[in-house]
Amino acid sequence: NTNQELKETETLASKASQGVEQLQSTYGLLTSVLAGLGIGVTSSELAQTSDEFKNLEGRIKIAVGETGNFESAMDGVVRVALETNSNLTATGDLFATLTRATRDLKTTTNGVVTDYKLSQTQLLQLTETINQSIKVSGASAQASEAAIVQFAQAIGSSVLRGDELNSIIEQAPRLAQALADGLGVPIGKLKELGEAGQL
């Protein structure tokens, strides 16, 4: 059906079929994701989705760098998005942001500072946990996507405060509670810490 639509729309055919052929020959993920979500698309929607998917691939490829396994990371992001019923782009961006943000983590043991790098598997598990915590908060799909995006932005900027913190507290209270628990403070203290720039 899609091929027939592409033939009828010659301008989009070249762009969309090129993108889809490339995706199908490398991973076949785009059609799997769309089928898994039960989404039927027009040729213009397919072209747009193809472009978005290629952009997401690029961001994940940059994030994992030469030391990571891009195919495994991309497969993992798609799996997490499907299993948590979350937006694929937001999930991919969260994974990419977490990957970049944790690259330079350090740990101190007996006064000795060493690198502490999370594995790709751990980063995917963290992405899934964050998505799940947002989902169990009962937010709508749109609110969940917004919360994921806001949290990823906070991670990317290394500080959680202002609108981003408010969005997490309001739209993803389970994630906010997990943050508070991890810090050993009551949830009401998060805003105070955020305003002081301590999150």
N, C-alpha and C. Protein backbone atom coordinates (compact mmCIF):
# COMPACT_ATOMS: atom_id res chain seq x y z
N ASN A 1 0.83 -1.20 0.00
CA ASN A 1 0.00 0.00 0.00
C ASN A 1 0.86 1.25 0.00
N THR A 2 1.90 1.22 0.81
CA THR A 2 2.79 2.38 0.88
C THR A 2 3.50 2.59 -0.44
N ASN A 3 3.97 1.49 -1.05
CA ASN A 3 4.64 1.61 -2.34
C ASN A 3 3.72 2.22 -3.39
N GLN A 4 2.45 1.83 -3.37
CA GLN A 4 1.49 2.38 -4.32
C GLN A 4 1.32 3.88 -4.10
N GLU A 5 1.22 4.29 -2.84
CA GLU A 5 1.08 5.72 -2.53
C GLU A 5 2.31 6.50 -2.96
N LEU A 6 3.47 5.89 -2.79
CA LEU A 6 4.70 6.56 -3.18
C LEU A 6 4.76 6.77 -4.69
N LYS A 7 4.25 5.81 -5.45
CA LYS A 7 4.23 5.95 -6.90
C LYS A 7 3.32 7.09 -7.32
N GLU A 8 2.23 7.26 -6.57
CA GLU A 8 1.27 8.31 -6.91
C GLU A 8 1.80 9.69 -6.55
N THR A 9 2.76 9.76 -5.65
CA THR A 9 3.30 11.05 -5.23
C THR A 9 4.78 11.09 -5.57
N GLU A 10 5.07 11.47 -6.81
CA GLU A 10 6.42 11.32 -7.34
C GLU A 10 7.46 12.13 -6.56
N THR A 11 7.10 13.31 -6.13
CA THR A 11 8.05 14.15 -5.40
C THR A 11 8.46 13.50 -4.10
N LEU A 12 7.47 12.97 -3.37
CA LEU A 12 7.77 12.34 -2.09
C LEU A 12 8.37 10.95 -2.28
N ALA A 13 8.07 10.35 -3.42
CA ALA A 13 8.52 8.97 -3.64
C ALA A 13 10.03 8.85 -3.52
N SER A 14 10.73 9.76 -4.18
CA SER A 14 12.18 9.67 -4.17
C SER A 14 12.72 9.81 -2.75
N LYS A 15 12.24 10.83 -2.05
CA LYS A 15 12.72 11.09 -0.70
C LYS A 15 12.35 9.98 0.28
N ALA A 16 11.08 9.61 0.29
CA ALA A 16 10.62 8.63 1.26
C ALA A 16 11.18 7.24 0.98
N SER A 17 11.15 6.83 -0.29
CA SER A 17 11.61 5.48 -0.60
C SER A 17 13.09 5.34 -0.32
N GLN A 18 13.85 6.42 -0.61
CA GLN A 18 15.28 6.38 -0.31
C GLN A 18 15.52 6.16 1.17
N GLY A 19 14.80 6.96 1.98
CA GLY A 19 14.96 6.83 3.43
C GLY A 19 14.53 5.47 3.92
N VAL A 20 13.37 4.99 3.44
CA VAL A 20 12.84 3.71 3.90
C VAL A 20 13.73 2.56 3.46
N GLU A 21 14.21 2.61 2.21
CA GLU A 21 15.08 1.54 1.73
C GLU A 21 16.35 1.46 2.57
N GLN A 22 16.90 2.64 2.89
CA GLN A 22 18.11 2.66 3.71
C GLN A 22 17.84 2.06 5.09
N LEU A 23 16.72 2.46 5.69
CA LEU A 23 16.39 1.96 7.02
C LEU A 23 16.12 0.46 6.99
N GLN A 24 15.38 0.02 5.96
CA GLN A 24 15.05 -1.40 5.88
C GLN A 24 16.30 -2.24 5.63
N SER A 25 17.22 -1.69 4.83
CA SER A 25 18.41 -2.48 4.54
C SER A 25 19.35 -2.54 5.74
N THR A 26 19.32 -1.52 6.60
CA THR A 26 20.21 -1.55 7.75
C THR A 26 19.58 -2.22 8.96
N TYR A 27 18.40 -1.78 9.37
CA TYR A 27 17.81 -2.31 10.60
C TYR A 27 16.37 -2.78 10.46
N GLY A 28 15.66 -2.24 9.49
CA GLY A 28 14.25 -2.60 9.35
C GLY A 28 13.42 -2.14 10.54
N LEU A 29 13.91 -1.13 11.28
CA LEU A 29 13.24 -0.73 12.51
C LEU A 29 12.02 0.14 12.27
N LEU A 30 12.07 1.01 11.26
CA LEU A 30 10.97 1.95 11.08
C LEU A 30 9.66 1.22 10.86
N THR A 31 9.65 0.26 9.94
CA THR A 31 8.41 -0.47 9.68
C THR A 31 8.01 -1.30 10.89
N SER A 32 8.98 -1.83 11.61
CA SER A 32 8.67 -2.61 12.81
C SER A 32 8.01 -1.75 13.87
N VAL A 33 8.56 -0.55 14.06
CA VAL A 33 8.01 0.36 15.07
C VAL A 33 6.58 0.75 14.69
N LEU A 34 6.39 1.14 13.43
CA LEU A 34 5.06 1.56 12.99
C LEU A 34 4.06 0.42 13.09
N ALA A 35 4.49 -0.76 12.68
CA ALA A 35 3.60 -1.91 12.76
C ALA A 35 3.29 -2.26 14.21
N GLY A 36 4.32 -2.19 15.06
CA GLY A 36 4.14 -2.50 16.47
C GLY A 36 3.18 -1.55 17.16
N LEU A 37 3.15 -0.32 16.68
CA LEU A 37 2.25 0.67 17.26
C LEU A 37 0.90 0.71 16.55
N GLY A 38 0.75 -0.11 15.50
CA GLY A 38 -0.51 -0.15 14.77
C GLY A 38 -0.80 1.13 14.02
N ILE A 39 0.24 1.75 13.50
CA ILE A 39 0.08 3.04 12.83
C ILE A 39 0.09 2.85 11.32
N GLY A 40 -0.93 3.38 10.66
CA GLY A 40 -0.96 3.44 9.20
C GLY A 40 -0.58 4.84 8.79
N VAL A 41 0.29 4.98 7.80
CA VAL A 41 0.76 6.31 7.44
C VAL A 41 0.57 6.58 5.95
N THR A 42 0.43 7.87 5.62
CA THR A 42 0.39 8.29 4.22
C THR A 42 1.83 8.47 3.76
N SER A 43 2.02 8.70 2.48
CA SER A 43 3.38 8.85 1.96
C SER A 43 4.08 10.06 2.56
N SER A 44 3.37 11.17 2.75
CA SER A 44 4.01 12.35 3.33
C SER A 44 4.38 12.10 4.79
N GLU A 45 3.50 11.40 5.52
CA GLU A 45 3.81 11.07 6.92
C GLU A 45 5.00 10.12 6.99
N LEU A 46 5.06 9.19 6.05
CA LEU A 46 6.17 8.24 6.02
C LEU A 46 7.49 8.96 5.75
N ALA A 47 7.45 9.94 4.84
CA ALA A 47 8.66 10.71 4.54
C ALA A 47 9.11 11.48 5.77
N GLN A 48 8.18 12.10 6.46
CA GLN A 48 8.52 12.86 7.67
C GLN A 48 9.05 11.94 8.76
N THR A 49 8.37 10.80 8.94
CA THR A 49 8.81 9.83 9.95
C THR A 49 10.19 9.30 9.62
N SER A 50 10.44 9.07 8.33
CA SER A 50 11.74 8.58 7.90
C SER A 50 12.83 9.58 8.23
N ASP A 51 12.56 10.88 7.97
CA ASP A 51 13.53 11.92 8.29
C ASP A 51 13.79 11.99 9.79
N GLU A 52 12.72 11.96 10.59
CA GLU A 52 12.86 12.02 12.03
C GLU A 52 13.67 10.84 12.55
N PHE A 53 13.41 9.67 11.96
CA PHE A 53 14.09 8.46 12.39
C PHE A 53 15.58 8.55 12.07
N LYS A 54 15.91 9.06 10.87
CA LYS A 54 17.32 9.20 10.49
C LYS A 54 18.03 10.22 11.40
N ASN A 55 17.33 11.31 11.75
CA ASN A 55 17.90 12.29 12.66
C ASN A 55 18.17 11.67 14.03
N LEU A 56 17.21 10.85 14.49
CA LEU A 56 17.38 10.17 15.77
C LEU A 56 18.57 9.21 15.71
N GLU A 57 18.68 8.48 14.61
CA GLU A 57 19.83 7.59 14.43
C GLU A 57 21.14 8.36 14.57
N GLY A 58 21.18 9.54 13.94
CA GLY A 58 22.39 10.35 13.98
C GLY A 58 22.75 10.78 15.39
N ARG A 59 21.73 11.20 16.16
CA ARG A 59 21.98 11.65 17.53
C ARG A 59 22.47 10.50 18.42
N ILE A 60 21.89 9.32 18.22
CA ILE A 60 22.32 8.16 19.02
C ILE A 60 23.72 7.72 18.60
N LYS A 61 24.00 7.78 17.31
CA LYS A 61 25.32 7.39 16.81
C LYS A 61 26.40 8.29 17.41
N ILE A 62 26.13 9.59 17.46
CA ILE A 62 27.08 10.54 18.04
C ILE A 62 27.24 10.27 19.53
N ALA A 63 26.13 10.00 20.22
CA ALA A 63 26.17 9.78 21.66
C ALA A 63 26.99 8.54 22.03
N VAL A 64 26.79 7.45 21.31
CA VAL A 64 27.51 6.22 21.68
C VAL A 64 28.96 6.27 21.23
N GLY A 65 29.24 7.07 20.20
CA GLY A 65 30.61 7.24 19.74
C GLY A 65 31.21 5.97 19.19
N GLU A 66 32.52 5.97 19.10
CA GLU A 66 33.22 4.83 18.50
C GLU A 66 33.29 3.64 19.44
N THR A 67 33.17 3.89 20.73
CA THR A 67 33.33 2.78 21.69
C THR A 67 32.03 2.03 21.93
N GLY A 68 30.89 2.61 21.53
CA GLY A 68 29.61 1.96 21.77
C GLY A 68 29.17 1.12 20.59
N ASN A 69 28.10 0.38 20.79
CA ASN A 69 27.53 -0.45 19.74
C ASN A 69 26.24 0.22 19.27
N PHE A 70 26.32 0.91 18.12
CA PHE A 70 25.20 1.70 17.64
C PHE A 70 23.95 0.84 17.38
N GLU A 71 24.14 -0.28 16.69
CA GLU A 71 22.99 -1.12 16.35
C GLU A 71 22.28 -1.62 17.61
N SER A 72 23.05 -2.04 18.58
CA SER A 72 22.48 -2.52 19.84
C SER A 72 21.77 -1.39 20.57
N ALA A 73 22.37 -0.19 20.55
CA ALA A 73 21.76 0.97 21.20
C ALA A 73 20.44 1.33 20.53
N MET A 74 20.43 1.35 19.21
CA MET A 74 19.21 1.71 18.47
C MET A 74 18.12 0.67 18.71
N ASP A 75 18.49 -0.59 18.65
CA ASP A 75 17.52 -1.65 18.94
C ASP A 75 16.95 -1.50 20.35
N GLY A 76 17.85 -1.19 21.29
CA GLY A 76 17.43 -1.04 22.68
C GLY A 76 16.48 0.13 22.87
N VAL A 77 16.75 1.25 22.22
CA VAL A 77 15.89 2.43 22.32
C VAL A 77 14.49 2.12 21.78
N VAL A 78 14.45 1.45 20.63
CA VAL A 78 13.15 1.09 20.04
C VAL A 78 12.39 0.15 20.98
N ARG A 79 13.10 -0.83 21.54
CA ARG A 79 12.46 -1.77 22.47
C ARG A 79 11.90 -1.05 23.69
N VAL A 80 12.70 -0.16 24.27
CA VAL A 80 12.26 0.59 25.45
C VAL A 80 11.03 1.43 25.13
N ALA A 81 11.05 2.10 23.99
CA ALA A 81 9.91 2.94 23.60
C ALA A 81 8.65 2.10 23.44
N LEU A 82 8.78 0.95 22.80
CA LEU A 82 7.62 0.08 22.60
C LEU A 82 7.12 -0.51 23.91
N GLU A 83 8.05 -1.00 24.74
CA GLU A 83 7.65 -1.67 25.98
C GLU A 83 7.06 -0.71 27.01
N THR A 84 7.48 0.56 26.95
CA THR A 84 6.94 1.54 27.89
C THR A 84 5.86 2.41 27.24
N ASN A 85 5.54 2.08 25.98
CA ASN A 85 4.52 2.83 25.24
C ASN A 85 4.82 4.32 25.27
N SER A 86 6.08 4.65 24.98
CA SER A 86 6.54 6.03 25.03
C SER A 86 6.95 6.51 23.65
N ASN A 87 7.04 7.83 23.51
CA ASN A 87 7.44 8.44 22.26
C ASN A 87 8.86 8.02 21.91
N LEU A 88 9.07 7.55 20.68
CA LEU A 88 10.37 7.03 20.27
C LEU A 88 11.44 8.11 20.26
N THR A 89 11.12 9.27 19.70
CA THR A 89 12.11 10.34 19.62
C THR A 89 12.51 10.81 21.02
N ALA A 90 11.52 11.01 21.90
CA ALA A 90 11.82 11.45 23.26
C ALA A 90 12.66 10.40 23.99
N THR A 91 12.34 9.13 23.78
CA THR A 91 13.10 8.05 24.41
C THR A 91 14.54 8.03 23.90
N GLY A 92 14.70 8.16 22.59
CA GLY A 92 16.04 8.19 21.99
C GLY A 92 16.86 9.36 22.47
N ASP A 93 16.21 10.52 22.55
CA ASP A 93 16.91 11.71 23.03
C ASP A 93 17.31 11.57 24.49
N LEU A 94 16.44 10.95 25.29
CA LEU A 94 16.77 10.72 26.70
C LEU A 94 17.98 9.80 26.81
N PHE A 95 17.97 8.71 26.05
CA PHE A 95 19.11 7.77 26.07
C PHE A 95 20.40 8.48 25.64
N ALA A 96 20.32 9.26 24.56
CA ALA A 96 21.50 9.96 24.06
C ALA A 96 22.02 10.96 25.09
N THR A 97 21.09 11.67 25.73
CA THR A 97 21.48 12.66 26.74
C THR A 97 22.12 11.99 27.94
N LEU A 98 21.52 10.90 28.41
CA LEU A 98 22.08 10.15 29.54
C LEU A 98 23.48 9.64 29.20
N THR A 99 23.64 9.18 27.97
CA THR A 99 24.94 8.66 27.53
C THR A 99 26.00 9.74 27.59
N ARG A 100 25.66 10.92 27.05
CA ARG A 100 26.63 12.03 27.07
C ARG A 100 26.89 12.52 28.49
N ALA A 101 25.82 12.66 29.27
CA ALA A 101 25.93 13.25 30.61
C ALA A 101 26.70 12.37 31.58
N THR A 102 26.68 11.07 31.38
CA THR A 102 27.35 10.16 32.32
C THR A 102 28.74 9.75 31.85
N ARG A 103 29.15 10.28 30.72
CA ARG A 103 30.44 9.86 30.16
C ARG A 103 31.61 10.20 31.08
N ASP A 104 31.51 11.32 31.78
CA ASP A 104 32.64 11.77 32.60
C ASP A 104 32.40 11.58 34.10
N LEU A 105 31.55 10.62 34.45
CA LEU A 105 31.30 10.36 35.88
C LEU A 105 32.57 9.86 36.55
N LYS A 106 32.76 10.28 37.80
CA LYS A 106 33.91 9.84 38.58
C LYS A 106 33.40 9.22 39.88
N THR A 107 34.17 8.32 40.43
CA THR A 107 33.85 7.74 41.74
C THR A 107 35.11 7.82 42.61
N THR A 108 34.89 7.98 43.89
CA THR A 108 36.03 8.07 44.82
C THR A 108 35.99 6.92 45.81
N THR A 109 37.05 6.16 45.86
CA THR A 109 37.16 5.05 46.80
C THR A 109 38.48 5.20 47.55
N ASN A 110 38.39 5.33 48.88
CA ASN A 110 39.59 5.51 49.72
C ASN A 110 40.47 6.66 49.22
N GLY A 111 39.81 7.75 48.81
CA GLY A 111 40.54 8.93 48.36
C GLY A 111 41.05 8.85 46.93
N VAL A 112 40.83 7.72 46.25
CA VAL A 112 41.30 7.56 44.87
C VAL A 112 40.14 7.81 43.92
N VAL A 113 40.32 8.78 43.00
CA VAL A 113 39.28 9.12 42.03
C VAL A 113 39.49 8.31 40.76
N THR A 114 38.45 7.61 40.35
CA THR A 114 38.54 6.83 39.11
C THR A 114 37.30 7.10 38.26
N ASP A 115 37.45 6.82 36.97
CA ASP A 115 36.31 6.97 36.06
C ASP A 115 35.25 5.94 36.40
N TYR A 116 33.99 6.35 36.26
CA TYR A 116 32.88 5.42 36.49
C TYR A 116 31.95 5.54 35.30
N LYS A 117 32.13 4.67 34.35
CA LYS A 117 31.35 4.74 33.13
C LYS A 117 30.23 3.71 33.16
N LEU A 118 29.00 4.20 32.91
CA LEU A 118 27.87 3.27 32.82
C LEU A 118 27.94 2.53 31.49
N SER A 119 27.61 1.26 31.51
CA SER A 119 27.60 0.49 30.28
C SER A 119 26.37 0.87 29.46
N GLN A 120 26.39 0.52 28.20
CA GLN A 120 25.25 0.79 27.33
C GLN A 120 24.00 0.09 27.85
N THR A 121 24.16 -1.11 28.36
CA THR A 121 23.04 -1.86 28.92
C THR A 121 22.46 -1.12 30.13
N GLN A 122 23.34 -0.61 31.00
CA GLN A 122 22.88 0.14 32.17
C GLN A 122 22.15 1.42 31.76
N LEU A 123 22.64 2.08 30.71
CA LEU A 123 22.01 3.31 30.23
C LEU A 123 20.63 3.03 29.65
N LEU A 124 20.49 1.91 28.95
CA LEU A 124 19.18 1.53 28.42
C LEU A 124 18.23 1.18 29.56
N GLN A 125 18.74 0.49 30.59
CA GLN A 125 17.91 0.17 31.76
C GLN A 125 17.47 1.43 32.47
N LEU A 126 18.37 2.41 32.58
CA LEU A 126 18.03 3.68 33.22
C LEU A 126 16.98 4.42 32.40
N THR A 127 17.13 4.42 31.09
CA THR A 127 16.14 5.05 30.21
C THR A 127 14.77 4.39 30.40
N GLU A 128 14.77 3.06 30.44
CA GLU A 128 13.51 2.33 30.62
C GLU A 128 12.89 2.64 31.99
N THR A 129 13.71 2.69 33.03
CA THR A 129 13.20 2.98 34.38
C THR A 129 12.57 4.37 34.44
N ILE A 130 13.23 5.34 33.82
CA ILE A 130 12.68 6.71 33.80
C ILE A 130 11.36 6.73 33.05
N ASN A 131 11.32 6.09 31.88
CA ASN A 131 10.07 6.03 31.11
C ASN A 131 8.96 5.36 31.92
N GLN A 132 9.29 4.25 32.57
CA GLN A 132 8.28 3.53 33.35
C GLN A 132 7.77 4.37 34.51
N SER A 133 8.67 5.09 35.18
CA SER A 133 8.25 5.92 36.32
C SER A 133 7.32 7.03 35.87
N ILE A 134 7.53 7.53 34.67
CA ILE A 134 6.65 8.56 34.13
C ILE A 134 5.31 7.95 33.76
N LYS A 135 5.33 6.75 33.20
CA LYS A 135 4.08 6.08 32.82
C LYS A 135 3.21 5.76 34.03
N VAL A 136 3.82 5.25 35.10
CA VAL A 136 3.03 4.87 36.27
C VAL A 136 2.46 6.08 37.00
N SER A 137 2.94 7.27 36.61
CA SER A 137 2.40 8.49 37.19
C SER A 137 1.00 8.79 36.64
N GLY A 138 0.61 8.06 35.58
CA GLY A 138 -0.73 8.22 35.03
C GLY A 138 -0.89 9.41 34.10
N ALA A 139 0.21 9.97 33.62
CA ALA A 139 0.12 11.12 32.73
C ALA A 139 -0.35 10.69 31.35
N SER A 140 -0.95 11.63 30.62
CA SER A 140 -1.35 11.36 29.24
C SER A 140 -0.11 11.17 28.39
N ALA A 141 -0.29 10.67 27.17
CA ALA A 141 0.85 10.44 26.27
C ALA A 141 1.60 11.74 26.03
N GLN A 142 0.86 12.82 25.82
CA GLN A 142 1.48 14.11 25.56
C GLN A 142 2.25 14.61 26.79
N ALA A 143 1.64 14.47 27.96
CA ALA A 143 2.29 14.91 29.20
C ALA A 143 3.52 14.04 29.49
N SER A 144 3.41 12.74 29.22
CA SER A 144 4.55 11.85 29.43
C SER A 144 5.72 12.24 28.54
N GLU A 145 5.41 12.52 27.27
CA GLU A 145 6.45 12.93 26.34
C GLU A 145 7.10 14.23 26.82
N ALA A 146 6.29 15.17 27.27
CA ALA A 146 6.82 16.45 27.76
C ALA A 146 7.72 16.24 28.96
N ALA A 147 7.32 15.35 29.87
CA ALA A 147 8.12 15.08 31.06
C ALA A 147 9.46 14.45 30.69
N ILE A 148 9.44 13.51 29.74
CA ILE A 148 10.68 12.88 29.30
C ILE A 148 11.62 13.92 28.69
N VAL A 149 11.04 14.78 27.83
CA VAL A 149 11.85 15.82 27.17
C VAL A 149 12.43 16.78 28.21
N GLN A 150 11.60 17.21 29.17
CA GLN A 150 12.06 18.14 30.20
C GLN A 150 13.17 17.52 31.05
N PHE A 151 13.01 16.25 31.39
CA PHE A 151 14.02 15.59 32.21
C PHE A 151 15.33 15.44 31.43
N ALA A 152 15.21 15.09 30.15
CA ALA A 152 16.41 14.97 29.31
C ALA A 152 17.14 16.32 29.21
N GLN A 153 16.36 17.41 29.07
CA GLN A 153 16.98 18.73 29.00
C GLN A 153 17.71 19.07 30.30
N ALA A 154 17.09 18.71 31.43
CA ALA A 154 17.73 18.96 32.73
C ALA A 154 19.02 18.18 32.85
N ILE A 155 18.99 16.91 32.44
CA ILE A 155 20.20 16.08 32.49
C ILE A 155 21.27 16.69 31.59
N GLY A 156 20.86 17.13 30.41
CA GLY A 156 21.80 17.71 29.45
C GLY A 156 22.46 18.98 29.97
N SER A 157 21.72 19.77 30.75
CA SER A 157 22.27 21.02 31.27
C SER A 157 22.90 20.84 32.67
N SER A 158 22.82 19.63 33.20
CA SER A 158 23.40 19.27 34.51
C SER A 158 22.73 19.96 35.68
N VAL A 159 21.51 20.50 35.49
CA VAL A 159 20.80 21.11 36.61
C VAL A 159 19.30 20.95 36.38
N LEU A 160 18.59 20.62 37.46
CA LEU A 160 17.13 20.44 37.39
C LEU A 160 16.49 21.51 38.26
N ARG A 161 15.80 22.45 37.62
CA ARG A 161 15.13 23.52 38.34
C ARG A 161 14.12 24.20 37.43
N GLY A 162 13.41 25.18 37.98
CA GLY A 162 12.48 25.98 37.19
C GLY A 162 11.38 25.16 36.55
N ASP A 163 11.10 25.49 35.28
CA ASP A 163 10.01 24.83 34.54
C ASP A 163 10.24 23.33 34.41
N GLU A 164 11.49 22.94 34.23
CA GLU A 164 11.79 21.52 34.07
C GLU A 164 11.46 20.75 35.34
N LEU A 165 11.83 21.30 36.48
CA LEU A 165 11.54 20.65 37.76
C LEU A 165 10.03 20.63 38.01
N ASN A 166 9.37 21.75 37.74
CA ASN A 166 7.91 21.82 37.92
C ASN A 166 7.21 20.78 37.05
N SER A 167 7.68 20.62 35.81
CA SER A 167 7.10 19.65 34.89
C SER A 167 7.24 18.23 35.43
N ILE A 168 8.41 17.91 35.98
CA ILE A 168 8.64 16.57 36.54
C ILE A 168 7.74 16.34 37.75
N ILE A 169 7.67 17.32 38.65
CA ILE A 169 6.86 17.17 39.87
C ILE A 169 5.38 17.01 39.52
N GLU A 170 4.90 17.79 38.54
CA GLU A 170 3.48 17.77 38.20
C GLU A 170 3.10 16.60 37.30
N GLN A 171 3.92 16.32 36.29
CA GLN A 171 3.55 15.33 35.29
C GLN A 171 4.15 13.96 35.55
N ALA A 172 5.17 13.89 36.37
CA ALA A 172 5.81 12.61 36.66
C ALA A 172 6.13 12.50 38.15
N PRO A 173 5.09 12.51 39.01
CA PRO A 173 5.34 12.50 40.45
C PRO A 173 6.12 11.27 40.93
N ARG A 174 5.98 10.14 40.24
CA ARG A 174 6.73 8.94 40.66
C ARG A 174 8.22 9.14 40.43
N LEU A 175 8.58 9.79 39.34
CA LEU A 175 9.98 10.09 39.08
C LEU A 175 10.50 11.10 40.10
N ALA A 176 9.68 12.11 40.41
CA ALA A 176 10.07 13.10 41.42
C ALA A 176 10.28 12.43 42.78
N GLN A 177 9.40 11.48 43.12
CA GLN A 177 9.54 10.76 44.40
C GLN A 177 10.82 9.94 44.41
N ALA A 178 11.15 9.32 43.27
CA ALA A 178 12.38 8.53 43.18
C ALA A 178 13.60 9.43 43.37
N LEU A 179 13.55 10.63 42.79
CA LEU A 179 14.65 11.59 42.96
C LEU A 179 14.80 11.97 44.44
N ALA A 180 13.66 12.28 45.06
CA ALA A 180 13.67 12.66 46.48
C ALA A 180 14.20 11.51 47.34
N ASP A 181 13.73 10.30 47.07
CA ASP A 181 14.18 9.13 47.83
C ASP A 181 15.69 8.94 47.67
N GLY A 182 16.16 9.09 46.43
CA GLY A 182 17.59 8.93 46.17
C GLY A 182 18.45 9.94 46.91
N LEU A 183 17.88 11.12 47.10
CA LEU A 183 18.61 12.18 47.80
C LEU A 183 18.37 12.14 49.31
N GLY A 184 17.41 11.29 49.73
CA GLY A 184 17.10 11.19 51.15
C GLY A 184 16.40 12.41 51.71
N VAL A 185 15.57 13.05 50.88
CA VAL A 185 14.83 14.24 51.32
C VAL A 185 13.35 14.04 51.02
N PRO A 186 12.46 14.78 51.72
CA PRO A 186 11.04 14.72 51.37
C PRO A 186 10.83 15.36 50.00
N ILE A 187 9.80 14.92 49.30
CA ILE A 187 9.55 15.42 47.95
C ILE A 187 9.35 16.94 47.94
N GLY A 188 8.79 17.48 49.01
CA GLY A 188 8.59 18.92 49.08
C GLY A 188 9.88 19.71 49.10
N LYS A 189 10.97 19.07 49.42
CA LYS A 189 12.29 19.72 49.49
C LYS A 189 12.91 19.90 48.11
N LEU A 190 12.39 19.18 47.11
CA LEU A 190 12.99 19.24 45.78
C LEU A 190 12.96 20.65 45.20
N LYS A 191 11.83 21.35 45.34
CA LYS A 191 11.74 22.71 44.80
C LYS A 191 12.76 23.63 45.46
N GLU A 192 12.91 23.49 46.76
CA GLU A 192 13.88 24.30 47.49
C GLU A 192 15.30 24.03 46.99
N LEU A 193 15.62 22.75 46.80
CA LEU A 193 16.95 22.39 46.29
C LEU A 193 17.13 22.88 44.86
N GLY A 194 16.04 22.77 44.07
CA GLY A 194 16.09 23.23 42.70
C GLY A 194 16.34 24.72 42.61
N GLU A 195 15.63 25.50 43.44
CA GLU A 195 15.79 26.95 43.44
C GLU A 195 17.21 27.35 43.86
N ALA A 196 17.80 26.52 44.69
CA ALA A 196 19.19 26.81 45.13
C ALA A 196 20.22 26.28 44.13
N GLY A 197 19.75 25.66 43.06
CA GLY A 197 20.66 25.12 42.05
C GLY A 197 21.43 23.90 42.50
N GLN A 198 20.84 23.15 43.45
CA GLN A 198 21.55 22.01 44.01
C GLN A 198 21.12 20.67 43.42
N LEU A 199 20.20 20.69 42.45
CA LEU A 199 19.79 19.43 41.81
C LEU A 199 20.51 19.28 40.49
